C-alpha atoms as a PDB file:
ATOM      1  CA  MET A   1      22.919 -70.902  -8.898  1.00  0.00           C
ATOM      2  CA  ARG A   2      24.039 -67.273  -8.179  1.00  0.00           C
ATOM      3  CA  PRO A   3      27.154 -65.891  -9.827  1.00  0.00           C
ATOM      4  CA  VAL A   4      30.200 -65.364  -7.556  1.00  0.00           C
ATOM      5  CA  ASN A   5      30.862 -61.694  -7.183  1.00  0.00           C
ATOM      6  CA  GLY A   6      34.271 -60.545  -5.980  1.00  0.00           C
ATOM      7  CA  GLY A   7      33.282 -56.883  -5.098  1.00  0.00           C
ATOM      8  CA  PHE A   8      31.781 -55.395  -1.921  1.00  0.00           C
ATOM      9  CA  SER A   9      28.148 -54.871  -1.453  1.00  0.00           C
ATOM     10  CA  LEU A  10      26.555 -51.182  -0.886  1.00  0.00           C
ATOM     11  CA  ILE A  11      25.866 -52.041   2.750  1.00  0.00           C
ATOM     12  CA  GLU A  12      29.543 -53.005   3.443  1.00  0.00           C
ATOM     13  CA  LEU A  13      30.835 -49.894   2.011  1.00  0.00           C
ATOM     14  CA  LEU A  14      28.280 -47.680   3.784  1.00  0.00           C
ATOM     15  CA  ILE A  15      29.434 -49.446   7.124  1.00  0.00           C
ATOM     16  CA  VAL A  16      33.114 -48.674   6.295  1.00  0.00           C
ATOM     17  CA  VAL A  17      32.326 -45.031   5.643  1.00  0.00           C
ATOM     18  CA  ALA A  18      30.285 -44.803   8.651  1.00  0.00           C
ATOM     19  CA  ILE A  19      33.189 -46.100  10.782  1.00  0.00           C
ATOM     20  CA  ILE A  20      35.541 -43.726   9.269  1.00  0.00           C
ATOM     21  CA  LEU A  21      33.193 -40.732   9.979  1.00  0.00           C
ATOM     22  CA  ILE A  22      32.911 -41.879  13.630  1.00  0.00           C
ATOM     23  CA  ILE A  23      36.732 -41.834  14.072  1.00  0.00           C
ATOM     24  CA  VAL A  24      37.031 -38.607  12.399  1.00  0.00           C
ATOM     25  CA  ALA A  25      34.297 -37.120  14.742  1.00  0.00           C
ATOM     26  CA  ILE A  26      36.241 -38.303  17.643  1.00  0.00           C
ATOM     27  CA  ALA A  27      39.632 -37.182  16.375  1.00  0.00           C
ATOM     28  CA  ILE A  28      38.980 -33.795  15.116  1.00  0.00           C
ATOM     29  CA  PRO A  29      38.324 -31.927  18.738  1.00  0.00           C
ATOM     30  CA  ASP A  30      41.353 -33.633  19.989  1.00  0.00           C
ATOM     31  CA  LEU A  31      43.474 -32.351  17.013  1.00  0.00           C
ATOM     32  CA  LEU A  32      42.089 -28.775  17.302  1.00  0.00           C
ATOM     33  CA  ARG A  33      42.942 -28.795  21.128  1.00  0.00           C
ATOM     34  CA  SER A  34      46.537 -29.981  20.488  1.00  0.00           C
ATOM     35  CA  ARG A  35      46.983 -27.231  17.797  1.00  0.00           C
ATOM     36  CA  ASN A  36      45.654 -24.726  20.167  1.00  0.00           C
ATOM     37  CA  ALA A  37      48.110 -25.841  22.707  1.00  0.00           C
ATOM     38  CA  ALA A  38      50.901 -25.574  20.194  1.00  0.00           C
ATOM     39  CA  ASN A  39      50.060 -22.085  19.224  1.00  0.00           C
ATOM     40  CA  GLN A  40      49.911 -20.957  22.957  1.00  0.00           C
ATOM     41  CA  SER A  41      53.387 -22.673  23.603  1.00  0.00           C
ATOM     42  CA  SER A  42      54.658 -20.953  20.452  1.00  0.00           C
ATOM     43  CA  ALA A  43      53.230 -17.346  21.695  1.00  0.00           C
ATOM     44  CA  VAL A  44      55.108 -17.865  25.201  1.00  0.00           C
ATOM     45  CA  ALA A  45      58.279 -18.876  23.339  1.00  0.00           C
ATOM     46  CA  SER A  46      58.027 -15.963  21.184  1.00  0.00           C
ATOM     47  CA  LEU A  47      57.473 -13.616  24.009  1.00  0.00           C
ATOM     48  CA  ARG A  48      60.573 -15.040  25.850  1.00  0.00           C
ATOM     49  CA  LEU A  49      62.606 -14.431  22.555  1.00  0.00           C
ATOM     50  CA  ILE A  50      61.456 -10.942  22.222  1.00  0.00           C
ATOM     51  CA  VAL A  51      62.507 -10.169  25.954  1.00  0.00           C
ATOM     52  CA  SER A  52      66.013 -11.872  25.329  1.00  0.00           C
ATOM     53  CA  SER A  53      66.176  -9.987  22.027  1.00  0.00           C
ATOM     54  CA  GLU A  54      65.443  -6.675  23.594  1.00  0.00           C
ATOM     55  CA  ALA A  55      68.220  -7.408  26.212  1.00  0.00           C
ATOM     56  CA  SER A  56      70.813  -8.084  23.486  1.00  0.00           C
ATOM     57  CA  TYR A  57      69.476  -5.082  21.385  1.00  0.00           C
ATOM     58  CA  SER A  58      69.945  -2.829  24.293  1.00  0.00           C
ATOM     59  CA  SER A  59      73.402  -4.118  25.327  1.00  0.00           C
ATOM     60  CA  THR A  60      74.566  -3.995  21.765  1.00  0.00           C
ATOM     61  CA  TYR A  61      73.488  -0.756  20.549  1.00  0.00           C
ATOM     62  CA  THR A  62      73.521   0.960  23.947  1.00  0.00           C
ATOM     63  CA  SER A  63      70.607   3.232  23.026  1.00  0.00           C
ATOM     64  CA  GLY A  64      67.879   1.546  25.221  1.00  0.00           C
ATOM     65  CA  TYR A  65      65.246  -0.833  23.715  1.00  0.00           C
ATOM     66  CA  SER A  66      64.011  -0.880  20.047  1.00  0.00           C
ATOM     67  CA  SER A  67      61.252   1.224  19.157  1.00  0.00           C
ATOM     68  CA  THR A  68      59.317  -1.597  16.965  1.00  0.00           C
ATOM     69  CA  LEU A  69      59.405  -5.238  16.663  1.00  0.00           C
ATOM     70  CA  ALA A  70      60.651  -4.749  13.176  1.00  0.00           C
ATOM     71  CA  GLU A  71      64.010  -3.146  14.306  1.00  0.00           C
ATOM     72  CA  LEU A  72      64.654  -6.614  16.005  1.00  0.00           C
ATOM     73  CA  ASP A  73      64.262  -8.432  12.923  1.00  0.00           C
ATOM     74  CA  GLY A  74      65.947  -7.959   9.524  1.00  0.00           C
ATOM     75  CA  ASN A  75      69.052  -9.478   7.714  1.00  0.00           C
ATOM     76  CA  ALA A  76      71.413  -6.523   7.106  1.00  0.00           C
ATOM     77  CA  ASN A  77      74.969  -7.611   7.010  1.00  0.00           C
ATOM     78  CA  PRO A  78      76.366  -6.376   9.406  1.00  0.00           C
ATOM     79  CA  PRO A  79      73.241  -5.968  11.632  1.00  0.00           C
ATOM     80  CA  THR A  80      72.346  -2.354  12.442  1.00  0.00           C
ATOM     81  CA  SER A  81      70.080  -0.867  15.164  1.00  0.00           C
ATOM     82  CA  LEU A  82      67.393  -0.882  12.385  1.00  0.00           C
ATOM     83  CA  ALA A  83      67.721  -4.434  11.232  1.00  0.00           C
ATOM     84  CA  ALA A  84      69.305  -6.260  14.132  1.00  0.00           C
ATOM     85  CA  GLY A  85      68.329  -9.804  12.897  1.00  0.00           C
ATOM     86  CA  LEU A  86      67.551 -11.074  16.415  1.00  0.00           C
ATOM     87  CA  ILE A  87      64.112 -12.408  15.571  1.00  0.00           C
ATOM     88  CA  ASP A  88      62.602 -13.875  12.567  1.00  0.00           C
ATOM     89  CA  PRO A  89      60.784 -11.790  10.138  1.00  0.00           C
ATOM     90  CA  VAL A  90      57.430 -13.532  10.691  1.00  0.00           C
ATOM     91  CA  LEU A  91      57.529 -12.503  14.315  1.00  0.00           C
ATOM     92  CA  GLY A  92      58.896  -9.136  13.451  1.00  0.00           C
ATOM     93  CA  SER A  93      55.697  -8.431  11.432  1.00  0.00           C
ATOM     94  CA  GLY A  94      53.625  -9.030  14.543  1.00  0.00           C
ATOM     95  CA  ALA A  95      51.830 -12.097  13.807  1.00  0.00           C
ATOM     96  CA  LYS A  96      52.710 -15.685  14.363  1.00  0.00           C
ATOM     97  CA  SER A  97      51.207 -19.008  15.189  1.00  0.00           C
ATOM     98  CA  GLY A  98      47.728 -17.718  15.471  1.00  0.00           C
ATOM     99  CA  TYR A  99      48.555 -14.732  17.606  1.00  0.00           C
ATOM    100  CA  ASN A 100      49.025 -11.064  17.206  1.00  0.00           C
ATOM    101  CA  PHE A 101      51.956  -9.350  18.971  1.00  0.00           C
ATOM    102  CA  TYR A 102      51.608  -5.808  19.871  1.00  0.00           C
ATOM    103  CA  TYR A 103      54.986  -4.041  20.881  1.00  0.00           C
ATOM    104  CA  VAL A 104      54.413  -0.986  22.819  1.00  0.00           C
ATOM    105  CA  PRO A 105      57.434   1.192  23.775  1.00  0.00           C
ATOM    106  CA  CYS A 106      57.726   3.886  26.310  1.00  0.00           C
ATOM    107  CA  VAL A 107      54.783   2.654  28.502  1.00  0.00           C
ATOM    108  CA  ARG A 108      53.408   5.011  31.189  1.00  0.00           C
ATOM    109  CA  PRO A 109      54.509   3.277  34.502  1.00  0.00           C
ATOM    110  CA  GLY A 110      51.711   0.997  36.022  1.00  0.00           C
ATOM    111  CA  ALA A 111      49.653   1.501  32.575  1.00  0.00           C
ATOM    112  CA  PRO A 112      48.563  -1.990  31.262  1.00  0.00           C
ATOM    113  CA  ASN A 113      47.901  -2.646  27.662  1.00  0.00           C
ATOM    114  CA  GLY A 114      44.315  -3.404  28.339  1.00  0.00           C
ATOM    115  CA  GLY A 115      43.766  -3.296  24.480  1.00  0.00           C
ATOM    116  CA  SER A 116      45.414   0.145  24.106  1.00  0.00           C
ATOM    117  CA  LEU A 117      48.461   0.206  21.970  1.00  0.00           C
ATOM    118  CA  THR A 118      49.275   3.756  22.472  1.00  0.00           C
ATOM    119  CA  PRO A 119      52.965   4.373  23.221  1.00  0.00           C
ATOM    120  CA  GLY A 120      54.044   6.507  25.974  1.00  0.00           C
ATOM    121  CA  THR A 121      56.597   9.200  25.683  1.00  0.00           C
ATOM    122  CA  CYS A 122      60.132   8.791  26.154  1.00  0.00           C
ATOM    123  CA  THR A 123      62.571  11.737  26.905  1.00  0.00           C
ATOM    124  CA  GLY A 124      65.593   9.753  25.972  1.00  0.00           C
ATOM    125  CA  PRO A 125      66.393   6.185  24.907  1.00  0.00           C
ATOM    126  CA  ILE A 126      63.468   3.777  25.359  1.00  0.00           C
ATOM    127  CA  ASP A 127      63.634   2.268  28.983  1.00  0.00           C
ATOM    128  CA  VAL A 128      60.423   0.484  29.124  1.00  0.00           C
ATOM    129  CA  PHE A 129      58.269  -1.673  26.765  1.00  0.00           C
ATOM    130  CA  GLN A 130      55.542  -4.175  26.956  1.00  0.00           C
ATOM    131  CA  VAL A 131      54.319  -6.752  24.313  1.00  0.00           C
ATOM    132  CA  SER A 132      50.731  -8.313  24.229  1.00  0.00           C
ATOM    133  CA  ALA A 133      50.081 -11.582  22.560  1.00  0.00           C
ATOM    134  CA  ASN A 134      46.431 -11.674  21.700  1.00  0.00           C
ATOM    135  CA  PRO A 135      44.978 -14.709  20.042  1.00  0.00           C
ATOM    136  CA  MET A 136      43.347 -14.592  16.581  1.00  0.00           C
ATOM    137  CA  SER A 137      40.681 -17.291  17.940  1.00  0.00           C
ATOM    138  CA  ARG A 138      38.608 -16.861  20.937  1.00  0.00           C
ATOM    139  CA  TYR A 139      39.557 -20.096  22.357  1.00  0.00           C
ATOM    140  CA  SER A 140      43.252 -19.247  23.556  1.00  0.00           C
ATOM    141  CA  ASN A 141      44.783 -17.471  26.188  1.00  0.00           C
ATOM    142  CA  TYR A 142      46.018 -13.661  26.231  1.00  0.00           C
ATOM    143  CA  TYR A 143      49.717 -13.092  27.092  1.00  0.00           C
ATOM    144  CA  TYR A 144      51.667 -10.090  28.350  1.00  0.00           C
ATOM    145  CA  VAL A 145      55.216  -9.374  29.040  1.00  0.00           C
ATOM    146  CA  ASP A 146      57.062  -6.101  30.006  1.00  0.00           C
ATOM    147  CA  THR A 147      60.758  -5.189  30.948  1.00  0.00           C
ATOM    148  CA  THR A 148      60.643  -7.422  33.831  1.00  0.00           C
ATOM    149  CA  GLY A 149      60.458 -10.412  31.683  1.00  0.00           C
ATOM    150  CA  VAL A 150      57.606 -12.034  33.633  1.00  0.00           C
ATOM    151  CA  ILE A 151      55.019 -13.410  31.375  1.00  0.00           C
ATOM    152  CA  ARG A 152      51.513 -13.178  32.445  1.00  0.00           C
ATOM    153  CA  GLU A 153      48.273 -14.729  31.263  1.00  0.00           C
ATOM    154  CA  ASN A 154      44.625 -13.949  31.129  1.00  0.00           C
ATOM    155  CA  SER A 155      41.996 -16.394  29.680  1.00  0.00           C
ATOM    156  CA  THR A 156      39.267 -14.084  28.918  1.00  0.00           C
ATOM    157  CA  SER A 157      40.677 -10.587  27.885  1.00  0.00           C
ATOM    158  CA  PRO A 158      44.062  -8.936  27.074  1.00  0.00           C
ATOM    159  CA  ALA A 159      46.597  -9.653  29.885  1.00  0.00           C
ATOM    160  CA  GLY A 160      48.223  -6.742  31.770  1.00  0.00           C
ATOM    161  CA  PRO A 161      50.832  -6.489  34.518  1.00  0.00           C
ATOM    162  CA  SER A 162      48.328  -7.357  37.277  1.00  0.00           C
ATOM    163  CA  ASP A 163      47.383 -10.643  35.879  1.00  0.00           C
ATOM    164  CA  SER A 164      48.924 -14.007  37.062  1.00  0.00           C
ATOM    165  CA  PRO A 165      52.233 -14.851  35.780  1.00  0.00           C
ATOM    166  CA  ILE A 166      52.586 -18.346  33.932  1.00  0.00           C
ATOM    167  CA  ALA A 167      54.314 -21.138  35.623  1.00  0.00           C
ATOM    168  CA  GLY A 168      57.678 -22.177  34.522  1.00  0.00           C
END
């Protein structure tokens, strides 16, 4: 007579582990795709926020647009032109949700960023700007916005003013 054992056999445990590994192998790619989509949505929302913050900054301080993203953030009380408090400090630092944000004031007319982050020269108040959102990973889209507020995208290289606008 064999003694009754209340535990699981080694084979049963291996089968359970194998099933869990199969489920994980199926779920991880979907998780990565959804995280990538969330980062892209966050980048587009951040670009919209920057454009609306620049409009608010320009009308509040009547000195044109800001010269850096850092001027749009801050928590001075009351807000000043060097710490306007219009965007969060994370975005003001230039990196958020898997994207690097490059703010370029005084862009030469018709000159896309194209990877160049050199500001142009303004002879008075800053009257034009561009912002590029470049992904930290190679599996995401590149985004671009300028003073017009039209957000453009490119799936292979830094976006510029000649790329297609995003829908919506």
